[in-house]
Amino acid sequence: MNIAIGSDHAGLEMKKEVILILKDLGHDYTDYGTDTPDSVDYPDFGEKVSFAVSTGKVERGILICGTGIGMSIVANKFPNVRAALCNELFSAKMSRLHNDANVLVMGGRIIGKDLAKEIVKTWFATSFEGGRHGNRLKKICLIEDKTKTGVV
């Protein structure tokens, strides 16, 4: 699977750890930055990763900032992106199982690297359940369509 990954300065160290996990899991990845601990603006990196997922350039994305909140907001502005902020294992599992999340967001200042590794492993190991959850995703897509046309 090809993964886009990005972080701001607050998520840089965790991003480095997550990349090691992606390699261990056999995934290809594209690192959209940042590569420095200098202060940067998270929307710049959230946009790059989310655009790659939104347009189908990659199958999934991972975003990391201080809390994960800002990256989540940015990512969910893009069509076809279902970003989930997961700072514990249950949300990671359910975001895939019920929501077919295609962008995982974590807070680099909220959780430690060991928990982040387990979240990533759980997120990739969990498949979308479909069924009634598929119907709900169709409704989300209809909302996206309505907002594009201005008819709600």
N, C-alpha and C. Protein backbone atom coordinates (compact mmCIF):
# COMPACT_ATOMS: atom_id res chain seq x y z
N MET A 1 0.85 -1.17 0.00
CA MET A 1 0.00 0.00 0.00
C MET A 1 0.90 1.24 0.00
N ASN A 2 0.51 2.25 -0.75
CA ASN A 2 1.26 3.50 -0.80
C ASN A 2 0.62 4.51 0.14
N ILE A 3 1.42 5.06 1.04
CA ILE A 3 0.95 5.93 2.11
C ILE A 3 1.60 7.30 1.98
N ALA A 4 0.82 8.35 2.16
CA ALA A 4 1.36 9.71 2.29
C ALA A 4 1.45 10.02 3.77
N ILE A 5 2.56 10.61 4.19
CA ILE A 5 2.73 10.96 5.59
C ILE A 5 3.28 12.37 5.70
N GLY A 6 2.80 13.09 6.71
CA GLY A 6 3.28 14.45 6.93
C GLY A 6 3.06 14.86 8.37
N SER A 7 3.85 15.85 8.76
CA SER A 7 3.73 16.37 10.12
C SER A 7 4.20 17.82 10.15
N ASP A 8 3.85 18.49 11.22
CA ASP A 8 4.47 19.77 11.51
C ASP A 8 5.64 19.50 12.46
N HIS A 9 6.23 20.54 12.99
CA HIS A 9 7.38 20.40 13.88
C HIS A 9 7.04 19.60 15.15
N ALA A 10 5.81 19.75 15.64
CA ALA A 10 5.41 19.05 16.86
C ALA A 10 5.23 17.55 16.65
N GLY A 11 5.07 17.14 15.42
CA GLY A 11 4.89 15.72 15.12
C GLY A 11 6.08 15.07 14.47
N LEU A 12 7.16 15.82 14.29
CA LEU A 12 8.31 15.33 13.54
C LEU A 12 8.91 14.06 14.13
N GLU A 13 9.16 14.04 15.41
CA GLU A 13 9.79 12.86 16.02
C GLU A 13 8.88 11.64 15.93
N MET A 14 7.59 11.84 16.15
CA MET A 14 6.66 10.72 16.03
C MET A 14 6.59 10.25 14.58
N LYS A 15 6.64 11.17 13.64
CA LYS A 15 6.60 10.78 12.23
C LYS A 15 7.77 9.86 11.89
N LYS A 16 8.94 10.16 12.41
CA LYS A 16 10.10 9.31 12.17
C LYS A 16 9.86 7.90 12.68
N GLU A 17 9.24 7.77 13.83
CA GLU A 17 8.92 6.45 14.40
C GLU A 17 7.87 5.72 13.55
N VAL A 18 6.87 6.47 13.10
CA VAL A 18 5.80 5.87 12.29
C VAL A 18 6.36 5.38 10.95
N ILE A 19 7.29 6.11 10.38
CA ILE A 19 7.89 5.66 9.12
C ILE A 19 8.58 4.31 9.30
N LEU A 20 9.22 4.10 10.44
CA LEU A 20 9.84 2.80 10.71
C LEU A 20 8.78 1.69 10.74
N ILE A 21 7.63 1.98 11.31
CA ILE A 21 6.54 1.00 11.35
C ILE A 21 6.02 0.73 9.94
N LEU A 22 5.86 1.77 9.15
CA LEU A 22 5.40 1.58 7.77
C LEU A 22 6.36 0.67 7.01
N LYS A 23 7.64 0.87 7.20
CA LYS A 23 8.63 0.01 6.56
C LYS A 23 8.49 -1.42 7.03
N ASP A 24 8.34 -1.60 8.37
CA ASP A 24 8.18 -2.94 8.93
C ASP A 24 6.94 -3.64 8.39
N LEU A 25 5.88 -2.86 8.15
CA LEU A 25 4.63 -3.43 7.63
C LEU A 25 4.68 -3.64 6.12
N GLY A 26 5.75 -3.20 5.49
CA GLY A 26 5.91 -3.41 4.04
C GLY A 26 5.22 -2.39 3.17
N HIS A 27 4.87 -1.24 3.72
CA HIS A 27 4.19 -0.20 2.95
C HIS A 27 5.21 0.75 2.31
N ASP A 28 4.90 1.20 1.11
CA ASP A 28 5.64 2.29 0.50
C ASP A 28 5.07 3.59 1.07
N TYR A 29 5.89 4.62 1.11
CA TYR A 29 5.40 5.88 1.65
C TYR A 29 6.07 7.05 0.94
N THR A 30 5.37 8.16 0.96
CA THR A 30 5.92 9.43 0.51
C THR A 30 5.85 10.38 1.69
N ASP A 31 6.97 10.93 2.07
CA ASP A 31 7.06 11.86 3.19
C ASP A 31 6.92 13.28 2.65
N TYR A 32 5.84 13.94 3.02
CA TYR A 32 5.56 15.30 2.57
C TYR A 32 6.10 16.37 3.53
N GLY A 33 6.94 15.96 4.49
CA GLY A 33 7.53 16.93 5.40
C GLY A 33 6.71 17.09 6.67
N THR A 34 7.20 17.87 7.52
CA THR A 34 8.39 18.67 7.58
C THR A 34 9.58 17.79 7.94
N ASP A 35 10.75 18.31 7.67
CA ASP A 35 11.97 17.58 7.98
C ASP A 35 12.84 18.31 8.98
N THR A 36 12.28 19.32 9.61
CA THR A 36 13.04 20.15 10.54
C THR A 36 12.23 20.42 11.80
N PRO A 37 12.89 20.59 12.93
CA PRO A 37 12.17 20.93 14.16
C PRO A 37 11.78 22.41 14.24
N ASP A 38 12.14 23.19 13.23
CA ASP A 38 11.76 24.61 13.21
C ASP A 38 10.25 24.74 13.08
N SER A 39 9.70 25.75 13.72
CA SER A 39 8.26 25.98 13.70
C SER A 39 7.75 26.17 12.27
N VAL A 40 6.70 25.42 11.94
CA VAL A 40 6.05 25.50 10.62
C VAL A 40 4.55 25.54 10.83
N ASP A 41 3.81 25.77 9.77
CA ASP A 41 2.35 25.81 9.83
C ASP A 41 1.77 24.47 9.38
N TYR A 42 1.05 23.80 10.28
CA TYR A 42 0.51 22.47 9.98
C TYR A 42 -0.37 22.42 8.74
N PRO A 43 -1.14 23.48 8.38
CA PRO A 43 -1.98 23.35 7.19
C PRO A 43 -1.18 23.08 5.91
N ASP A 44 0.06 23.56 5.85
CA ASP A 44 0.87 23.34 4.65
C ASP A 44 1.12 21.86 4.40
N PHE A 45 1.34 21.09 5.45
CA PHE A 45 1.65 19.68 5.32
C PHE A 45 0.38 18.83 5.29
N GLY A 46 -0.63 19.27 6.04
CA GLY A 46 -1.92 18.59 5.98
C GLY A 46 -2.52 18.66 4.59
N GLU A 47 -2.35 19.79 3.93
CA GLU A 47 -2.87 19.96 2.57
C GLU A 47 -2.21 18.99 1.60
N LYS A 48 -0.90 18.87 1.66
CA LYS A 48 -0.18 18.00 0.73
C LYS A 48 -0.61 16.54 0.86
N VAL A 49 -0.66 16.06 2.08
CA VAL A 49 -1.05 14.67 2.31
C VAL A 49 -2.51 14.45 1.92
N SER A 50 -3.38 15.34 2.33
CA SER A 50 -4.81 15.19 2.05
C SER A 50 -5.11 15.26 0.57
N PHE A 51 -4.41 16.12 -0.15
CA PHE A 51 -4.58 16.21 -1.60
C PHE A 51 -4.17 14.89 -2.26
N ALA A 52 -3.08 14.30 -1.80
CA ALA A 52 -2.64 13.01 -2.36
C ALA A 52 -3.68 11.92 -2.14
N VAL A 53 -4.31 11.91 -0.98
CA VAL A 53 -5.36 10.92 -0.70
C VAL A 53 -6.61 11.25 -1.50
N SER A 54 -7.01 12.50 -1.49
CA SER A 54 -8.23 12.95 -2.16
C SER A 54 -8.22 12.63 -3.65
N THR A 55 -7.08 12.78 -4.28
CA THR A 55 -6.98 12.57 -5.73
C THR A 55 -6.62 11.14 -6.11
N GLY A 56 -6.41 10.28 -5.13
CA GLY A 56 -6.10 8.88 -5.41
C GLY A 56 -4.64 8.61 -5.71
N LYS A 57 -3.79 9.59 -5.51
CA LYS A 57 -2.36 9.38 -5.73
C LYS A 57 -1.82 8.32 -4.77
N VAL A 58 -2.38 8.29 -3.55
CA VAL A 58 -2.04 7.28 -2.55
C VAL A 58 -3.33 6.70 -2.00
N GLU A 59 -3.22 5.56 -1.36
CA GLU A 59 -4.41 4.90 -0.81
C GLU A 59 -4.81 5.45 0.55
N ARG A 60 -3.81 5.80 1.36
CA ARG A 60 -4.09 6.30 2.70
C ARG A 60 -3.05 7.34 3.10
N GLY A 61 -3.36 8.06 4.18
CA GLY A 61 -2.44 9.06 4.68
C GLY A 61 -2.34 9.02 6.19
N ILE A 62 -1.26 9.59 6.68
CA ILE A 62 -1.04 9.75 8.12
C ILE A 62 -0.57 11.17 8.35
N LEU A 63 -1.20 11.85 9.30
CA LEU A 63 -0.85 13.22 9.65
C LEU A 63 -0.61 13.31 11.15
N ILE A 64 0.40 14.09 11.53
CA ILE A 64 0.73 14.25 12.94
C ILE A 64 1.06 15.71 13.21
N CYS A 65 0.36 16.29 14.17
CA CYS A 65 0.70 17.63 14.67
C CYS A 65 0.66 17.56 16.19
N GLY A 66 0.69 18.69 16.87
CA GLY A 66 0.74 18.68 18.33
C GLY A 66 -0.40 17.92 18.97
N THR A 67 -1.63 18.29 18.63
CA THR A 67 -2.80 17.63 19.20
C THR A 67 -3.50 16.71 18.20
N GLY A 68 -3.28 16.94 16.92
CA GLY A 68 -3.99 16.22 15.88
C GLY A 68 -5.26 16.94 15.44
N ILE A 69 -5.69 17.89 16.20
CA ILE A 69 -6.94 18.58 15.90
C ILE A 69 -6.82 19.41 14.62
N GLY A 70 -5.78 20.20 14.52
CA GLY A 70 -5.61 21.05 13.35
C GLY A 70 -5.49 20.24 12.06
N MET A 71 -4.69 19.19 12.11
CA MET A 71 -4.53 18.34 10.92
C MET A 71 -5.86 17.69 10.54
N SER A 72 -6.64 17.30 11.53
CA SER A 72 -7.95 16.70 11.25
C SER A 72 -8.86 17.67 10.52
N ILE A 73 -8.86 18.91 10.97
CA ILE A 73 -9.69 19.93 10.34
C ILE A 73 -9.27 20.13 8.90
N VAL A 74 -7.97 20.27 8.68
CA VAL A 74 -7.46 20.46 7.31
C VAL A 74 -7.84 19.28 6.43
N ALA A 75 -7.54 18.08 6.88
CA ALA A 75 -7.75 16.89 6.06
C ALA A 75 -9.21 16.72 5.65
N ASN A 76 -10.12 16.98 6.56
CA ASN A 76 -11.52 16.75 6.26
C ASN A 76 -12.15 17.84 5.39
N LYS A 77 -11.36 18.80 4.96
CA LYS A 77 -11.82 19.79 3.97
C LYS A 77 -11.77 19.21 2.56
N PHE A 78 -11.07 18.11 2.37
CA PHE A 78 -10.85 17.53 1.05
C PHE A 78 -11.88 16.46 0.72
N PRO A 79 -12.40 16.48 -0.52
CA PRO A 79 -13.34 15.44 -0.93
C PRO A 79 -12.67 14.07 -0.87
N ASN A 80 -13.44 13.08 -0.56
CA ASN A 80 -12.99 11.68 -0.51
C ASN A 80 -12.03 11.39 0.63
N VAL A 81 -11.83 12.33 1.52
CA VAL A 81 -10.97 12.11 2.68
C VAL A 81 -11.85 11.90 3.90
N ARG A 82 -11.53 10.84 4.62
CA ARG A 82 -12.20 10.56 5.88
C ARG A 82 -11.08 10.44 6.92
N ALA A 83 -10.75 11.58 7.50
CA ALA A 83 -9.65 11.63 8.47
C ALA A 83 -10.19 11.41 9.88
N ALA A 84 -9.50 10.59 10.63
CA ALA A 84 -9.91 10.28 12.00
C ALA A 84 -8.76 10.56 12.96
N LEU A 85 -9.04 11.35 13.97
CA LEU A 85 -8.09 11.62 15.03
C LEU A 85 -8.15 10.46 16.01
N CYS A 86 -7.04 9.75 16.12
CA CYS A 86 -7.00 8.55 16.96
C CYS A 86 -5.82 8.63 17.91
N ASN A 87 -6.11 8.88 19.16
CA ASN A 87 -5.06 8.93 20.17
C ASN A 87 -5.15 7.77 21.13
N GLU A 88 -5.89 6.74 20.75
CA GLU A 88 -5.96 5.49 21.50
C GLU A 88 -6.42 4.39 20.56
N LEU A 89 -6.29 3.14 20.97
CA LEU A 89 -6.49 1.99 20.08
C LEU A 89 -7.94 1.78 19.65
N PHE A 90 -8.89 2.02 20.53
CA PHE A 90 -10.28 1.76 20.18
C PHE A 90 -10.71 2.65 19.01
N SER A 91 -10.37 3.93 19.06
CA SER A 91 -10.73 4.83 17.96
C SER A 91 -10.04 4.42 16.66
N ALA A 92 -8.80 3.98 16.77
CA ALA A 92 -8.07 3.54 15.57
C ALA A 92 -8.79 2.37 14.92
N LYS A 93 -9.21 1.41 15.72
CA LYS A 93 -9.90 0.24 15.18
C LYS A 93 -11.26 0.64 14.60
N MET A 94 -12.03 1.41 15.35
CA MET A 94 -13.38 1.75 14.90
C MET A 94 -13.37 2.69 13.69
N SER A 95 -12.34 3.54 13.58
CA SER A 95 -12.27 4.45 12.44
C SER A 95 -12.14 3.69 11.13
N ARG A 96 -11.51 2.55 11.18
CA ARG A 96 -11.39 1.70 9.99
C ARG A 96 -12.62 0.80 9.85
N LEU A 97 -13.00 0.15 10.91
CA LEU A 97 -14.08 -0.84 10.90
C LEU A 97 -15.42 -0.23 10.48
N HIS A 98 -15.76 0.92 11.03
CA HIS A 98 -17.07 1.53 10.78
C HIS A 98 -17.04 2.71 9.83
N ASN A 99 -15.91 3.41 9.75
CA ASN A 99 -15.87 4.65 8.96
C ASN A 99 -14.99 4.58 7.73
N ASP A 100 -14.27 3.48 7.56
CA ASP A 100 -13.35 3.33 6.44
C ASP A 100 -12.44 4.55 6.32
N ALA A 101 -11.93 5.02 7.46
CA ALA A 101 -11.05 6.19 7.47
C ALA A 101 -9.84 5.92 6.59
N ASN A 102 -9.48 6.92 5.80
CA ASN A 102 -8.33 6.76 4.92
C ASN A 102 -7.18 7.70 5.30
N VAL A 103 -7.38 8.50 6.32
CA VAL A 103 -6.30 9.32 6.88
C VAL A 103 -6.33 9.15 8.40
N LEU A 104 -5.20 8.71 8.93
CA LEU A 104 -5.02 8.59 10.37
C LEU A 104 -4.33 9.84 10.87
N VAL A 105 -4.89 10.45 11.91
CA VAL A 105 -4.31 11.65 12.50
C VAL A 105 -4.01 11.36 13.97
N MET A 106 -2.81 11.78 14.40
CA MET A 106 -2.41 11.57 15.79
C MET A 106 -1.79 12.85 16.35
N GLY A 107 -1.85 12.97 17.66
CA GLY A 107 -1.27 14.12 18.35
C GLY A 107 0.10 13.80 18.91
N GLY A 108 1.13 14.40 18.33
CA GLY A 108 2.50 14.15 18.76
C GLY A 108 2.80 14.60 20.17
N ARG A 109 2.02 15.54 20.69
CA ARG A 109 2.21 16.01 22.07
C ARG A 109 1.21 15.36 23.02
N ILE A 110 0.38 14.48 22.50
CA ILE A 110 -0.66 13.85 23.30
C ILE A 110 -0.29 12.42 23.69
N ILE A 111 0.27 11.69 22.74
CA ILE A 111 0.58 10.28 22.99
C ILE A 111 2.07 10.02 22.80
N GLY A 112 2.54 8.95 23.39
CA GLY A 112 3.93 8.55 23.26
C GLY A 112 4.15 7.70 22.02
N LYS A 113 5.42 7.50 21.71
CA LYS A 113 5.76 6.78 20.48
C LYS A 113 5.33 5.32 20.52
N ASP A 114 5.37 4.68 21.67
CA ASP A 114 4.96 3.28 21.74
C ASP A 114 3.47 3.12 21.45
N LEU A 115 2.65 3.99 22.00
CA LEU A 115 1.22 3.95 21.72
C LEU A 115 0.97 4.29 20.25
N ALA A 116 1.69 5.25 19.73
CA ALA A 116 1.53 5.62 18.31
C ALA A 116 1.81 4.42 17.41
N LYS A 117 2.83 3.66 17.72
CA LYS A 117 3.16 2.48 16.93
C LYS A 117 2.01 1.47 16.95
N GLU A 118 1.43 1.26 18.12
CA GLU A 118 0.31 0.31 18.23
C GLU A 118 -0.92 0.82 17.50
N ILE A 119 -1.15 2.12 17.55
CA ILE A 119 -2.28 2.71 16.83
C ILE A 119 -2.11 2.47 15.33
N VAL A 120 -0.92 2.73 14.82
CA VAL A 120 -0.66 2.53 13.38
C VAL A 120 -0.86 1.07 13.00
N LYS A 121 -0.32 0.17 13.78
CA LYS A 121 -0.47 -1.27 13.49
C LYS A 121 -1.95 -1.67 13.48
N THR A 122 -2.68 -1.20 14.48
CA THR A 122 -4.12 -1.52 14.57
C THR A 122 -4.88 -0.94 13.40
N TRP A 123 -4.58 0.29 13.04
CA TRP A 123 -5.27 0.97 11.94
C TRP A 123 -5.07 0.24 10.62
N PHE A 124 -3.86 -0.22 10.38
CA PHE A 124 -3.61 -0.94 9.13
C PHE A 124 -4.11 -2.37 9.16
N ALA A 125 -4.23 -2.95 10.33
CA ALA A 125 -4.69 -4.34 10.44
C ALA A 125 -6.21 -4.47 10.38
N THR A 126 -6.92 -3.36 10.50
CA THR A 126 -8.38 -3.40 10.57
C THR A 126 -8.98 -3.06 9.21
N SER A 127 -9.88 -3.91 8.76
CA SER A 127 -10.58 -3.70 7.49
C SER A 127 -11.95 -3.08 7.72
N PHE A 128 -12.45 -2.43 6.70
CA PHE A 128 -13.78 -1.84 6.74
C PHE A 128 -14.82 -2.96 6.76
N GLU A 129 -15.78 -2.84 7.66
CA GLU A 129 -16.79 -3.87 7.86
C GLU A 129 -17.88 -3.84 6.80
N GLY A 130 -18.15 -2.68 6.24
CA GLY A 130 -19.20 -2.58 5.22
C GLY A 130 -20.58 -2.69 5.83
N GLY A 131 -21.50 -3.30 5.11
CA GLY A 131 -22.87 -3.46 5.59
C GLY A 131 -23.54 -2.13 5.86
N ARG A 132 -24.17 -2.02 7.02
CA ARG A 132 -24.87 -0.77 7.35
C ARG A 132 -23.92 0.42 7.38
N HIS A 133 -22.63 0.17 7.63
CA HIS A 133 -21.65 1.25 7.65
C HIS A 133 -21.37 1.75 6.23
N GLY A 134 -21.48 0.87 5.26
CA GLY A 134 -21.35 1.28 3.86
C GLY A 134 -22.46 2.24 3.47
N ASN A 135 -23.65 1.96 3.94
CA ASN A 135 -24.78 2.87 3.67
C ASN A 135 -24.54 4.24 4.27
N ARG A 136 -23.94 4.27 5.44
CA ARG A 136 -23.66 5.55 6.10
C ARG A 136 -22.59 6.32 5.34
N LEU A 137 -21.60 5.60 4.82
CA LEU A 137 -20.57 6.28 4.02
C LEU A 137 -21.15 6.86 2.74
N LYS A 138 -22.12 6.16 2.15
CA LYS A 138 -22.78 6.70 0.96
C LYS A 138 -23.48 8.01 1.29
N LYS A 139 -24.07 8.09 2.47
CA LYS A 139 -24.73 9.34 2.89
C LYS A 139 -23.70 10.46 3.05
N ILE A 140 -22.53 10.13 3.56
CA ILE A 140 -21.47 11.14 3.69
C ILE A 140 -21.07 11.64 2.31
N CYS A 141 -20.94 10.73 1.36
CA CYS A 141 -20.59 11.12 -0.02
C CYS A 141 -21.67 12.02 -0.62
N LEU A 142 -22.93 11.73 -0.33
CA LEU A 142 -24.01 12.58 -0.82
C LEU A 142 -23.93 13.98 -0.22
N ILE A 143 -23.55 14.06 1.04
CA ILE A 143 -23.37 15.38 1.67
C ILE A 143 -22.25 16.13 0.97
N GLU A 144 -21.15 15.44 0.68
CA GLU A 144 -20.04 16.08 -0.07
C GLU A 144 -20.55 16.62 -1.40
N ASP A 145 -21.31 15.80 -2.10
CA ASP A 145 -21.86 16.24 -3.41
C ASP A 145 -22.75 17.46 -3.27
N LYS A 146 -23.60 17.45 -2.25
CA LYS A 146 -24.51 18.57 -2.03
C LYS A 146 -23.74 19.86 -1.74
N THR A 147 -22.69 19.76 -0.94
CA THR A 147 -21.95 20.97 -0.61
C THR A 147 -21.18 21.51 -1.81
N LYS A 148 -20.79 20.63 -2.72
CA LYS A 148 -20.11 21.08 -3.95
C LYS A 148 -21.06 21.88 -4.85
N THR A 149 -22.32 21.46 -4.88
CA THR A 149 -23.30 22.11 -5.75
C THR A 149 -24.02 23.24 -5.05
N GLY A 150 -23.87 23.34 -3.75
CA GLY A 150 -24.55 24.40 -3.00
C GLY A 150 -26.00 24.08 -2.69
N VAL A 151 -26.41 22.83 -2.95
CA VAL A 151 -27.79 22.42 -2.71
C VAL A 151 -27.78 21.46 -1.52
N VAL A 152 -28.32 21.91 -0.41
CA VAL A 152 -28.35 21.05 0.78
C VAL A 152 -29.76 20.74 1.15
